PDB file of N, CA and C in Angstrom:
ATOM      1  N   MET A   1       5.542  -3.705   8.082  1.00  0.00           N
ATOM      2  CA  MET A   1       5.644  -4.852   7.201  1.00  0.00           C
ATOM      3  C   MET A   1       4.951  -6.060   7.829  1.00  0.00           C
ATOM      4  N   ARG A   2       5.149  -6.217   9.110  1.00  0.00           N
ATOM      5  CA  ARG A   2       4.515  -7.353   9.782  1.00  0.00           C
ATOM      6  C   ARG A   2       3.001  -7.272   9.665  1.00  0.00           C
ATOM      7  N   ASN A   3       2.475  -6.069   9.818  1.00  0.00           N
ATOM      8  CA  ASN A   3       1.029  -5.864   9.714  1.00  0.00           C
ATOM      9  C   ASN A   3       0.520  -6.233   8.322  1.00  0.00           C
ATOM     10  N   MET A   4       1.265  -5.891   7.287  1.00  0.00           N
ATOM     11  CA  MET A   4       0.828  -6.211   5.929  1.00  0.00           C
ATOM     12  C   MET A   4       0.844  -7.721   5.705  1.00  0.00           C
ATOM     13  N   TYR A   5       1.871  -8.399   6.202  1.00  0.00           N
ATOM     14  CA  TYR A   5       1.919  -9.862   6.082  1.00  0.00           C
ATOM     15  C   TYR A   5       0.754 -10.509   6.829  1.00  0.00           C
ATOM     16  N   ILE A   6       0.464 -10.011   8.010  1.00  0.00           N
ATOM     17  CA  ILE A   6      -0.642 -10.561   8.804  1.00  0.00           C
ATOM     18  C   ILE A   6      -1.963 -10.370   8.073  1.00  0.00           C
ATOM     19  N   ARG A   7      -2.199  -9.168   7.576  1.00  0.00           N
ATOM     20  CA  ARG A   7      -3.451  -8.898   6.863  1.00  0.00           C
ATOM     21  C   ARG A   7      -3.587  -9.757   5.609  1.00  0.00           C
ATOM     22  N   THR A   8      -2.501  -9.885   4.869  1.00  0.00           N
ATOM     23  CA  THR A   8      -2.543 -10.684   3.641  1.00  0.00           C
ATOM     24  C   THR A   8      -2.814 -12.152   3.957  1.00  0.00           C
ATOM     25  N   ASN A   9      -2.135 -12.694   4.963  1.00  0.00           N
ATOM     26  CA  ASN A   9      -2.353 -14.096   5.328  1.00  0.00           C
ATOM     27  C   ASN A   9      -3.766 -14.336   5.851  1.00  0.00           C
ATOM     28  N   THR A  10      -4.288 -13.382   6.590  1.00  0.00           N
ATOM     29  CA  THR A  10      -5.664 -13.497   7.081  1.00  0.00           C
ATOM     30  C   THR A  10      -6.647 -13.522   5.913  1.00  0.00           C
ATOM     31  N   LEU A  11      -6.462 -12.618   4.958  1.00  0.00           N
ATOM     32  CA  LEU A  11      -7.328 -12.596   3.779  1.00  0.00           C
ATOM     33  C   LEU A  11      -7.191 -13.878   2.970  1.00  0.00           C
ATOM     34  N   LEU A  12      -5.975 -14.375   2.852  1.00  0.00           N
ATOM     35  CA  LEU A  12      -5.743 -15.598   2.090  1.00  0.00           C
ATOM     36  C   LEU A  12      -6.440 -16.793   2.732  1.00  0.00           C
ATOM     37  N   CYS A  13      -6.387 -16.867   4.058  1.00  0.00           N
ATOM     38  CA  CYS A  13      -7.043 -17.983   4.760  1.00  0.00           C
ATOM     39  C   CYS A  13      -8.559 -17.904   4.653  1.00  0.00           C
ATOM     40  N   ARG A  14      -9.096 -16.710   4.779  1.00  0.00           N
ATOM     41  CA  ARG A  14     -10.554 -16.554   4.803  1.00  0.00           C
ATOM     42  C   ARG A  14     -11.195 -16.456   3.426  1.00  0.00           C
ATOM     43  N   PHE A  15     -10.487 -15.862   2.486  1.00  0.00           N
ATOM     44  CA  PHE A  15     -11.091 -15.588   1.183  1.00  0.00           C
ATOM     45  C   PHE A  15     -10.245 -16.115   0.021  1.00  0.00           C
ATOM     46  N   GLY A  16      -9.429 -17.109   0.257  1.00  0.00           N
ATOM     47  CA  GLY A  16      -8.530 -17.636  -0.756  1.00  0.00           C
ATOM     48  C   GLY A  16      -9.217 -18.229  -1.963  1.00  0.00           C
ATOM     49  N   LYS A  17     -10.459 -18.655  -1.815  1.00  0.00           N
ATOM     50  CA  LYS A  17     -11.167 -19.305  -2.926  1.00  0.00           C
ATOM     51  C   LYS A  17     -12.135 -18.371  -3.654  1.00  0.00           C
ATOM     52  N   CYS A  18     -12.096 -17.104  -3.320  1.00  0.00           N
ATOM     53  CA  CYS A  18     -12.977 -16.126  -3.977  1.00  0.00           C
ATOM     54  C   CYS A  18     -12.449 -15.786  -5.369  1.00  0.00           C
ATOM     55  N   SER A  19     -13.267 -15.094  -6.131  1.00  0.00           N
ATOM     56  CA  SER A  19     -12.864 -14.681  -7.478  1.00  0.00           C
ATOM     57  C   SER A  19     -11.782 -13.602  -7.394  1.00  0.00           C
ATOM     58  N   LYS A  20     -11.117 -13.394  -8.527  1.00  0.00           N
ATOM     59  CA  LYS A  20     -10.054 -12.392  -8.585  1.00  0.00           C
ATOM     60  C   LYS A  20     -10.585 -10.997  -8.257  1.00  0.00           C
ATOM     61  N   LYS A  21     -11.768 -10.680  -8.736  1.00  0.00           N
ATOM     62  CA  LYS A  21     -12.361  -9.365  -8.506  1.00  0.00           C
ATOM     63  C   LYS A  21     -12.592  -9.121  -7.016  1.00  0.00           C
ATOM     64  N   VAL A  22     -13.101 -10.114  -6.319  1.00  0.00           N
ATOM     65  CA  VAL A  22     -13.351  -9.992  -4.882  1.00  0.00           C
ATOM     66  C   VAL A  22     -12.032  -9.877  -4.128  1.00  0.00           C
ATOM     67  N   LYS A  23     -11.045 -10.668  -4.523  1.00  0.00           N
ATOM     68  CA  LYS A  23      -9.740 -10.615  -3.870  1.00  0.00           C
ATOM     69  C   LYS A  23      -9.094  -9.235  -4.000  1.00  0.00           C
ATOM     70  N   VAL A  24      -9.184  -8.655  -5.202  1.00  0.00           N
ATOM     71  CA  VAL A  24      -8.595  -7.325  -5.421  1.00  0.00           C
ATOM     72  C   VAL A  24      -9.296  -6.288  -4.554  1.00  0.00           C
ATOM     73  N   ARG A  25     -10.614  -6.361  -4.475  1.00  0.00           N
ATOM     74  CA  ARG A  25     -11.376  -5.418  -3.649  1.00  0.00           C
ATOM     75  C   ARG A  25     -10.974  -5.541  -2.175  1.00  0.00           C
ATOM     76  N   LEU A  26     -10.854  -6.765  -1.698  1.00  0.00           N
ATOM     77  CA  LEU A  26     -10.448  -6.996  -0.316  1.00  0.00           C
ATOM     78  C   LEU A  26      -9.023  -6.517  -0.063  1.00  0.00           C
ATOM     79  N   PHE A  27      -8.126  -6.770  -1.008  1.00  0.00           N
ATOM     80  CA  PHE A  27      -6.738  -6.326  -0.851  1.00  0.00           C
ATOM     81  C   PHE A  27      -6.667  -4.805  -0.796  1.00  0.00           C
ATOM     82  N   ARG A  28      -7.415  -4.152  -1.667  1.00  0.00           N
ATOM     83  CA  ARG A  28      -7.447  -2.684  -1.642  1.00  0.00           C
ATOM     84  C   ARG A  28      -7.956  -2.163  -0.304  1.00  0.00           C
ATOM     85  N   SER A  29      -8.966  -2.822   0.238  1.00  0.00           N
ATOM     86  CA  SER A  29      -9.592  -2.360   1.474  1.00  0.00           C
ATOM     87  C   SER A  29      -8.728  -2.593   2.701  1.00  0.00           C
ATOM     88  N   TYR A  30      -8.077  -3.742   2.771  1.00  0.00           N
ATOM     89  CA  TYR A  30      -7.390  -4.111   4.004  1.00  0.00           C
ATOM     90  C   TYR A  30      -5.877  -3.981   3.961  1.00  0.00           C
ATOM     91  N   CYS A  31      -5.279  -4.018   2.807  1.00  0.00           N
ATOM     92  CA  CYS A  31      -3.816  -4.018   2.744  1.00  0.00           C
ATOM     93  C   CYS A  31      -3.213  -2.735   2.184  1.00  0.00           C
ATOM     94  N   LEU A  32      -3.977  -1.954   1.471  1.00  0.00           N
ATOM     95  CA  LEU A  32      -3.422  -0.724   0.916  1.00  0.00           C
ATOM     96  C   LEU A  32      -3.512   0.462   1.871  1.00  0.00           C
ATOM     97  N   TYR A  33      -4.223   0.289   2.955  1.00  0.00           N
ATOM     98  CA  TYR A  33      -4.301   1.372   3.927  1.00  0.00           C
ATOM     99  C   TYR A  33      -3.084   1.295   4.832  1.00  0.00           C
ATOM    100  N   MET A  34      -2.203   2.275   4.680  1.00  0.00           N
ATOM    101  CA  MET A  34      -0.976   2.314   5.475  1.00  0.00           C
ATOM    102  C   MET A  34      -0.968   3.613   6.269  1.00  0.00           C
ATOM    103  N   TYR A  35      -1.247   3.509   7.538  1.00  0.00           N
ATOM    104  CA  TYR A  35      -1.403   4.669   8.404  1.00  0.00           C
ATOM    105  C   TYR A  35      -0.098   5.455   8.510  1.00  0.00           C
ATOM    106  N   GLY A  36      -0.182   6.754   8.313  1.00  0.00           N
ATOM    107  CA  GLY A  36       0.955   7.645   8.491  1.00  0.00           C
ATOM    108  C   GLY A  36       1.973   7.621   7.362  1.00  0.00           C
ATOM    109  N   THR A  37       1.622   7.083   6.234  1.00  0.00           N
ATOM    110  CA  THR A  37       2.549   6.954   5.113  1.00  0.00           C
ATOM    111  C   THR A  37       3.079   8.310   4.657  1.00  0.00           C
ATOM    112  N   ALA A  38       2.279   9.329   4.749  1.00  0.00           N
ATOM    113  CA  ALA A  38       2.691  10.659   4.286  1.00  0.00           C
ATOM    114  C   ALA A  38       3.834  11.228   5.118  1.00  0.00           C
ATOM    115  N   LEU A  39       4.042  10.697   6.290  1.00  0.00           N
ATOM    116  CA  LEU A  39       5.085  11.208   7.182  1.00  0.00           C
ATOM    117  C   LEU A  39       6.336  10.332   7.194  1.00  0.00           C
ATOM    118  N   TRP A  40       6.456   9.419   6.260  1.00  0.00           N
ATOM    119  CA  TRP A  40       7.592   8.496   6.225  1.00  0.00           C
ATOM    120  C   TRP A  40       8.805   9.130   5.540  1.00  0.00           C
ATOM    121  N   ASN A  41       9.288  10.232   6.029  1.00  0.00           N
ATOM    122  CA  ASN A  41      10.430  10.903   5.409  1.00  0.00           C
ATOM    123  C   ASN A  41      11.758  10.478   6.019  1.00  0.00           C
ATOM    124  N   THR A  42      11.728   9.895   7.216  1.00  0.00           N
ATOM    125  CA  THR A  42      12.975   9.583   7.901  1.00  0.00           C
ATOM    126  C   THR A  42      13.453   8.149   7.675  1.00  0.00           C
ATOM    127  N   TYR A  43      12.701   7.349   6.952  1.00  0.00           N
ATOM    128  CA  TYR A  43      13.116   5.976   6.708  1.00  0.00           C
ATOM    129  C   TYR A  43      14.236   5.930   5.672  1.00  0.00           C
ATOM    130  N   THR A  44      15.135   4.981   5.844  1.00  0.00           N
ATOM    131  CA  THR A  44      16.257   4.841   4.919  1.00  0.00           C
ATOM    132  C   THR A  44      15.789   4.206   3.607  1.00  0.00           C
ATOM    133  N   VAL A  45      16.617   4.328   2.603  1.00  0.00           N
ATOM    134  CA  VAL A  45      16.311   3.748   1.304  1.00  0.00           C
ATOM    135  C   VAL A  45      16.206   2.229   1.433  1.00  0.00           C
ATOM    136  N   ASN A  46      17.076   1.637   2.230  1.00  0.00           N
ATOM    137  CA  ASN A  46      17.063   0.188   2.424  1.00  0.00           C
ATOM    138  C   ASN A  46      15.750  -0.266   3.061  1.00  0.00           C
ATOM    139  N   CYS A  47      15.269   0.473   4.024  1.00  0.00           N
ATOM    140  CA  CYS A  47      13.996   0.144   4.688  1.00  0.00           C
ATOM    141  C   CYS A  47      12.837   0.238   3.701  1.00  0.00           C
ATOM    142  N   MET A  48      12.839   1.244   2.853  1.00  0.00           N
ATOM    143  CA  MET A  48      11.772   1.391   1.865  1.00  0.00           C
ATOM    144  C   MET A  48      11.832   0.277   0.813  1.00  0.00           C
ATOM    145  N   LYS A  49      13.033  -0.173   0.476  1.00  0.00           N
ATOM    146  CA  LYS A  49      13.161  -1.300  -0.455  1.00  0.00           C
ATOM    147  C   LYS A  49      12.573  -2.566   0.150  1.00  0.00           C
ATOM    148  N   LYS A  50      12.814  -2.770   1.440  1.00  0.00           N
ATOM    149  CA  LYS A  50      12.254  -3.937   2.125  1.00  0.00           C
ATOM    150  C   LYS A  50      10.732  -3.867   2.146  1.00  0.00           C
ATOM    151  N   PHE A  51      10.199  -2.673   2.372  1.00  0.00           N
ATOM    152  CA  PHE A  51       8.749  -2.520   2.408  1.00  0.00           C
ATOM    153  C   PHE A  51       8.144  -2.712   1.015  1.00  0.00           C
ATOM    154  N   ARG A  52       8.821  -2.226  -0.006  1.00  0.00           N
ATOM    155  CA  ARG A  52       8.367  -2.427  -1.387  1.00  0.00           C
ATOM    156  C   ARG A  52       8.357  -3.918  -1.712  1.00  0.00           C
ATOM    157  N   SER A  53       9.404  -4.612  -1.304  1.00  0.00           N
ATOM    158  CA  SER A  53       9.488  -6.051  -1.521  1.00  0.00           C
ATOM    159  C   SER A  53       8.360  -6.776  -0.786  1.00  0.00           C
ATOM    160  N   CYS A  54       8.047  -6.343   0.413  1.00  0.00           N
ATOM    161  CA  CYS A  54       6.936  -6.906   1.189  1.00  0.00           C
ATOM    162  C   CYS A  54       5.621  -6.713   0.439  1.00  0.00           C
ATOM    163  N   TYR A  55       5.403  -5.526  -0.073  1.00  0.00           N
ATOM    164  CA  TYR A  55       4.187  -5.209  -0.824  1.00  0.00           C
ATOM    165  C   TYR A  55       4.049  -6.116  -2.040  1.00  0.00           C
ATOM    166  N   HIS A  56       5.141  -6.272  -2.787  1.00  0.00           N
ATOM    167  CA  HIS A  56       5.124  -7.122  -3.977  1.00  0.00           C
ATOM    168  C   HIS A  56       4.888  -8.583  -3.606  1.00  0.00           C
ATOM    169  N   ARG A  57       5.547  -9.048  -2.563  1.00  0.00           N
ATOM    170  CA  ARG A  57       5.393 -10.437  -2.134  1.00  0.00           C
ATOM    171  C   ARG A  57       3.966 -10.725  -1.692  1.00  0.00           C
ATOM    172  N   CYS A  58       3.374  -9.790  -0.977  1.00  0.00           N
ATOM    173  CA  CYS A  58       1.991  -9.964  -0.514  1.00  0.00           C
ATOM    174  C   CYS A  58       1.020 -10.037  -1.687  1.00  0.00           C
ATOM    175  N   ILE A  59       1.205  -9.179  -2.675  1.00  0.00           N
ATOM    176  CA  ILE A  59       0.326  -9.200  -3.850  1.00  0.00           C
ATOM    177  C   ILE A  59       0.465 -10.521  -4.601  1.00  0.00           C
ATOM    178  N   LYS A  60       1.692 -10.968  -4.799  1.00  0.00           N
ATOM    179  CA  LYS A  60       1.908 -12.222  -5.518  1.00  0.00           C
ATOM    180  C   LYS A  60       1.322 -13.410  -4.766  1.00  0.00           C
ATOM    181  N   THR A  61       1.560 -13.465  -3.471  1.00  0.00           N
ATOM    182  CA  THR A  61       1.064 -14.583  -2.665  1.00  0.00           C
ATOM    183  C   THR A  61      -0.453 -14.608  -2.647  1.00  0.00           C
ATOM    184  N   TYR A  62      -1.058 -13.475  -2.377  1.00  0.00           N
ATOM    185  CA  TYR A  62      -2.512 -13.400  -2.240  1.00  0.00           C
ATOM    186  C   TYR A  62      -3.218 -13.677  -3.563  1.00  0.00           C
ATOM    187  N   SER A  63      -2.640 -13.201  -4.651  1.00  0.00           N
ATOM    188  CA  SER A  63      -3.282 -13.358  -5.960  1.00  0.00           C
ATOM    189  C   SER A  63      -2.967 -14.687  -6.619  1.00  0.00           C
ATOM    190  N   GLY A  64      -2.025 -15.427  -6.070  1.00  0.00           N
ATOM    191  CA  GLY A  64      -1.704 -16.742  -6.608  1.00  0.00           C
ATOM    192  C   GLY A  64      -0.730 -16.744  -7.774  1.00  0.00           C
ATOM    193  N   TYR A  65       0.029 -15.683  -7.936  1.00  0.00           N
ATOM    194  CA  TYR A  65       1.024 -15.627  -9.007  1.00  0.00           C
ATOM    195  C   TYR A  65       2.321 -16.275  -8.544  1.00  0.00           C
ATOM    196  N   ASP A  66       3.084 -16.757  -9.510  1.00  0.00           N
ATOM    197  CA  ASP A  66       4.396 -17.324  -9.230  1.00  0.00           C
ATOM    198  C   ASP A  66       5.328 -16.228  -8.743  1.00  0.00           C
ATOM    199  N   ARG A  67       6.283 -16.571  -7.904  1.00  0.00           N
ATOM    200  CA  ARG A  67       7.177 -15.552  -7.342  1.00  0.00           C
ATOM    201  C   ARG A  67       8.093 -14.921  -8.384  1.00  0.00           C
ATOM    202  N   LEU A  68       8.284 -15.574  -9.507  1.00  0.00           N
ATOM    203  CA  LEU A  68       9.128 -15.033 -10.566  1.00  0.00           C
ATOM    204  C   LEU A  68       8.342 -14.242 -11.621  1.00  0.00           C
ATOM    205  N   TYR A  69       7.037 -14.162 -11.461  1.00  0.00           N
ATOM    206  CA  TYR A  69       6.186 -13.450 -12.422  1.00  0.00           C
ATOM    207  C   TYR A  69       6.430 -11.941 -12.312  1.00  0.00           C
ATOM    208  N   SER A  70       6.312 -11.245 -13.413  1.00  0.00           N
ATOM    209  CA  SER A  70       6.571  -9.807 -13.463  1.00  0.00           C
ATOM    210  C   SER A  70       5.585  -9.024 -12.595  1.00  0.00           C
ATOM    211  N   VAL A  71       6.125  -8.167 -11.740  1.00  0.00           N
ATOM    212  CA  VAL A  71       5.283  -7.347 -10.869  1.00  0.00           C
ATOM    213  C   VAL A  71       4.482  -6.344 -11.689  1.00  0.00           C
ATOM    214  N   THR A  72       5.079  -5.791 -12.713  1.00  0.00           N
ATOM    215  CA  THR A  72       4.380  -4.836 -13.567  1.00  0.00           C
ATOM    216  C   THR A  72       3.181  -5.486 -14.241  1.00  0.00           C
ATOM    217  N   ALA A  73       3.357  -6.702 -14.709  1.00  0.00           N
ATOM    218  CA  ALA A  73       2.250  -7.412 -15.342  1.00  0.00           C
ATOM    219  C   ALA A  73       1.138  -7.694 -14.337  1.00  0.00           C
ATOM    220  N   ILE A  74       1.509  -7.988 -13.104  1.00  0.00           N
ATOM    221  CA  ILE A  74       0.505  -8.227 -12.059  1.00  0.00           C
ATOM    222  C   ILE A  74      -0.292  -6.957 -11.778  1.00  0.00           C
ATOM    223  N   PHE A  75       0.412  -5.824 -11.650  1.00  0.00           N
ATOM    224  CA  PHE A  75      -0.279  -4.556 -11.397  1.00  0.00           C
ATOM    225  C   PHE A  75      -1.252  -4.229 -12.529  1.00  0.00           C
ATOM    226  N   LEU A  76      -0.848  -4.475 -13.756  1.00  0.00           N
ATOM    227  CA  LEU A  76      -1.722  -4.207 -14.892  1.00  0.00           C
ATOM    228  C   LEU A  76      -2.908  -5.162 -14.916  1.00  0.00           C
ATOM    229  N   ASP A  77      -2.652  -6.425 -14.638  1.00  0.00           N
ATOM    230  CA  ASP A  77      -3.708  -7.427 -14.655  1.00  0.00           C
ATOM    231  C   ASP A  77      -4.744  -7.182 -13.551  1.00  0.00           C
ATOM    232  N   LEU A  78      -4.272  -6.853 -12.355  1.00  0.00           N
ATOM    233  CA  LEU A  78      -5.176  -6.656 -11.211  1.00  0.00           C
ATOM    234  C   LEU A  78      -5.657  -5.219 -11.065  1.00  0.00           C
ATOM    235  N   GLN A  79      -5.080  -4.320 -11.851  1.00  0.00           N
ATOM    236  CA  GLN A  79      -5.397  -2.887 -11.774  1.00  0.00           C
ATOM    237  C   GLN A  79      -5.143  -2.345 -10.377  1.00  0.00           C
ATOM    238  N   LEU A  80      -3.989  -2.712  -9.822  1.00  0.00           N
ATOM    239  CA  LEU A  80      -3.555  -2.222  -8.518  1.00  0.00           C
ATOM    240  C   LEU A  80      -2.441  -1.198  -8.717  1.00  0.00           C
ATOM    241  N   PRO A  81      -2.312  -0.240  -7.808  1.00  0.00           N
ATOM    242  CA  PRO A  81      -1.230   0.738  -7.923  1.00  0.00           C
ATOM    243  C   PRO A  81       0.102   0.140  -7.468  1.00  0.00           C
ATOM    244  N   SER A  82       1.179   0.665  -8.017  1.00  0.00           N
ATOM    245  CA  SER A  82       2.502   0.237  -7.574  1.00  0.00           C
ATOM    246  C   SER A  82       2.767   0.825  -6.191  1.00  0.00           C
ATOM    247  N   PHE A  83       3.804   0.342  -5.544  1.00  0.00           N
ATOM    248  CA  PHE A  83       4.152   0.826  -4.206  1.00  0.00           C
ATOM    249  C   PHE A  83       4.468   2.319  -4.232  1.00  0.00           C
ATOM    250  N   ASP A  84       5.222   2.754  -5.231  1.00  0.00           N
ATOM    251  CA  ASP A  84       5.575   4.173  -5.339  1.00  0.00           C
ATOM    252  C   ASP A  84       4.339   5.041  -5.565  1.00  0.00           C
ATOM    253  N   THR A  85       3.382   4.540  -6.319  1.00  0.00           N
ATOM    254  CA  THR A  85       2.140   5.279  -6.546  1.00  0.00           C
ATOM    255  C   THR A  85       1.339   5.412  -5.266  1.00  0.00           C
ATOM    256  N   VAL A  86       1.287   4.348  -4.479  1.00  0.00           N
ATOM    257  CA  VAL A  86       0.576   4.397  -3.195  1.00  0.00           C
ATOM    258  C   VAL A  86       1.201   5.454  -2.290  1.00  0.00           C
ATOM    259  N   LEU A  87       2.531   5.444  -2.179  1.00  0.00           N
ATOM    260  CA  LEU A  87       3.216   6.438  -1.339  1.00  0.00           C
ATOM    261  C   LEU A  87       2.965   7.857  -1.843  1.00  0.00           C
ATOM    262  N   TYR A  88       3.079   8.047  -3.152  1.00  0.00           N
ATOM    263  CA  TYR A  88       2.866   9.368  -3.732  1.00  0.00           C
ATOM    264  C   TYR A  88       1.451   9.867  -3.456  1.00  0.00           C
ATOM    265  N   ASN A  89       0.452   9.010  -3.637  1.00  0.00           N
ATOM    266  CA  ASN A  89      -0.936   9.418  -3.424  1.00  0.00           C
ATOM    267  C   ASN A  89      -1.197   9.818  -1.981  1.00  0.00           C
ATOM    268  N   TYR A  90      -0.649   9.063  -1.035  1.00  0.00           N
ATOM    269  CA  TYR A  90      -0.832   9.413   0.377  1.00  0.00           C
ATOM    270  C   TYR A  90      -0.151  10.741   0.714  1.00  0.00           C
ATOM    271  N   LYS A  91       1.057  10.934   0.196  1.00  0.00           N
ATOM    272  CA  LYS A  91       1.770  12.188   0.470  1.00  0.00           C
ATOM    273  C   LYS A  91       1.063  13.373  -0.180  1.00  0.00           C
ATOM    274  N   PHE A  92       0.589  13.201  -1.399  1.00  0.00           N
ATOM    275  CA  PHE A  92      -0.122  14.269  -2.090  1.00  0.00           C
ATOM    276  C   PHE A  92      -1.402  14.634  -1.343  1.00  0.00           C
ATOM    277  N   SER A  93      -2.152  13.644  -0.924  1.00  0.00           N
ATOM    278  CA  SER A  93      -3.388  13.882  -0.184  1.00  0.00           C
ATOM    279  C   SER A  93      -3.112  14.621   1.120  1.00  0.00           C
ATOM    280  N   PHE A  94      -2.072  14.205   1.821  1.00  0.00           N
ATOM    281  CA  PHE A  94      -1.701  14.865   3.078  1.00  0.00           C
ATOM    282  C   PHE A  94      -1.341  16.327   2.825  1.00  0.00           C
ATOM    283  N   ASN A  95      -0.524  16.584   1.811  1.00  0.00           N
ATOM    284  CA  ASN A  95      -0.120  17.956   1.504  1.00  0.00           C
ATOM    285  C   ASN A  95      -1.306  18.824   1.104  1.00  0.00           C
ATOM    286  N   MET A  96      -2.235  18.280   0.350  1.00  0.00           N
ATOM    287  CA  MET A  96      -3.411  19.052  -0.041  1.00  0.00           C
ATOM    288  C   MET A  96      -4.283  19.383   1.173  1.00  0.00           C
ATOM    289  N   GLN A  97      -4.442  18.426   2.068  1.00  0.00           N
ATOM    290  CA  GLN A  97      -5.217  18.689   3.291  1.00  0.00           C
ATOM    291  C   GLN A  97      -4.531  19.734   4.153  1.00  0.00           C
ATOM    292  N   TYR A  98      -3.215  19.675   4.210  1.00  0.00           N
ATOM    293  CA  TYR A  98      -2.456  20.656   4.985  1.00  0.00           C
ATOM    294  C   TYR A  98      -2.594  22.046   4.383  1.00  0.00           C
ATOM    295  N   LEU A  99      -2.435  22.157   3.080  1.00  0.00           N
ATOM    296  CA  LEU A  99      -2.508  23.452   2.422  1.00  0.00           C
ATOM    297  C   LEU A  99      -3.903  24.068   2.478  1.00  0.00           C
ATOM    298  N   CYS A 100      -4.931  23.240   2.482  1.00  0.00           N
ATOM    299  CA  CYS A 100      -6.311  23.732   2.508  1.00  0.00           C
ATOM    300  C   CYS A 100      -6.850  23.929   3.924  1.00  0.00           C
ATOM    301  N   SER A 101      -6.045  23.637   4.915  1.00  0.00           N
ATOM    302  CA  SER A 101      -6.510  23.729   6.296  1.00  0.00           C
ATOM    303  C   SER A 101      -6.590  25.189   6.752  1.00  0.00           C
ATOM    304  N   ASP A 102      -7.656  25.488   7.494  1.00  0.00           N
ATOM    305  CA  ASP A 102      -7.813  26.823   8.070  1.00  0.00           C
ATOM    306  C   ASP A 102      -7.419  26.849   9.545  1.00  0.00           C
ATOM    307  N   ASN A 103      -6.951  25.726  10.048  1.00  0.00           N
ATOM    308  CA  ASN A 103      -6.579  25.603  11.451  1.00  0.00           C
ATOM    309  C   ASN A 103      -5.313  26.428  11.735  1.00  0.00           C
ATOM    310  N   ALA A 104      -5.384  27.291  12.759  1.00  0.00           N
ATOM    311  CA  ALA A 104      -4.262  28.172  13.100  1.00  0.00           C
ATOM    312  C   ALA A 104      -3.054  27.387  13.588  1.00  0.00           C
ATOM    313  N   VAL A 105      -3.277  26.322  14.312  1.00  0.00           N
ATOM    314  CA  VAL A 105      -2.173  25.513  14.821  1.00  0.00           C
ATOM    315  C   VAL A 105      -1.420  24.835  13.678  1.00  0.00           C
ATOM    316  N   VAL A 106      -2.157  24.326  12.712  1.00  0.00           N
ATOM    317  CA  VAL A 106      -1.535  23.674  11.564  1.00  0.00           C
ATOM    318  C   VAL A 106      -0.723  24.695  10.763  1.00  0.00           C
ATOM    319  N   LYS A 107      -1.255  25.883  10.570  1.00  0.00           N
ATOM    320  CA  LYS A 107      -0.543  26.931   9.852  1.00  0.00           C
ATOM    321  C   LYS A 107       0.718  27.368  10.606  1.00  0.00           C
ATOM    322  N   TYR A 108       0.624  27.405  11.936  1.00  0.00           N
ATOM    323  CA  TYR A 108       1.763  27.812  12.764  1.00  0.00           C
ATOM    324  C   TYR A 108       2.896  26.782  12.680  1.00  0.00           C
ATOM    325  N   LEU A 109       2.562  25.517  12.669  1.00  0.00           N
ATOM    326  CA  LEU A 109       3.580  24.466  12.615  1.00  0.00           C
ATOM    327  C   LEU A 109       4.354  24.498  11.299  1.00  0.00           C
ATOM    328  N   GLY A 110       3.690  24.853  10.230  1.00  0.00           N
ATOM    329  CA  GLY A 110       4.349  25.007   8.941  1.00  0.00           C
ATOM    330  C   GLY A 110       5.015  23.750   8.443  1.00  0.00           C
ATOM    331  N   LEU A 111       4.315  22.633   8.545  1.00  0.00           N
ATOM    332  CA  LEU A 111       4.874  21.369   8.089  1.00  0.00           C
ATOM    333  C   LEU A 111       5.230  21.496   6.636  1.00  0.00           C
TER     334      LEU A 111
END
């Protein structure tokens, strides 16, 4: 969460006056990459709620929306994925890479 706040604030300071299209592209590039997301099975529900809230807060702050504005409307307006969609996509991609792997060690581990 700290990393996402840092990245968002850095983008806001450096590119805060850019167009919405440029901001969305930068946010996708620097803030949607969450290393190891596919392996986040041991986190509690409360921890995931905090991270979801962090994701929503970062999008609202960076895009200049009011804190009370609907998150769903923001996702539709900016064409950004929801937090659950981001997690699902990373997990799906990881599982597909695992299933398609010909590596003997990966097959032996049976993740």
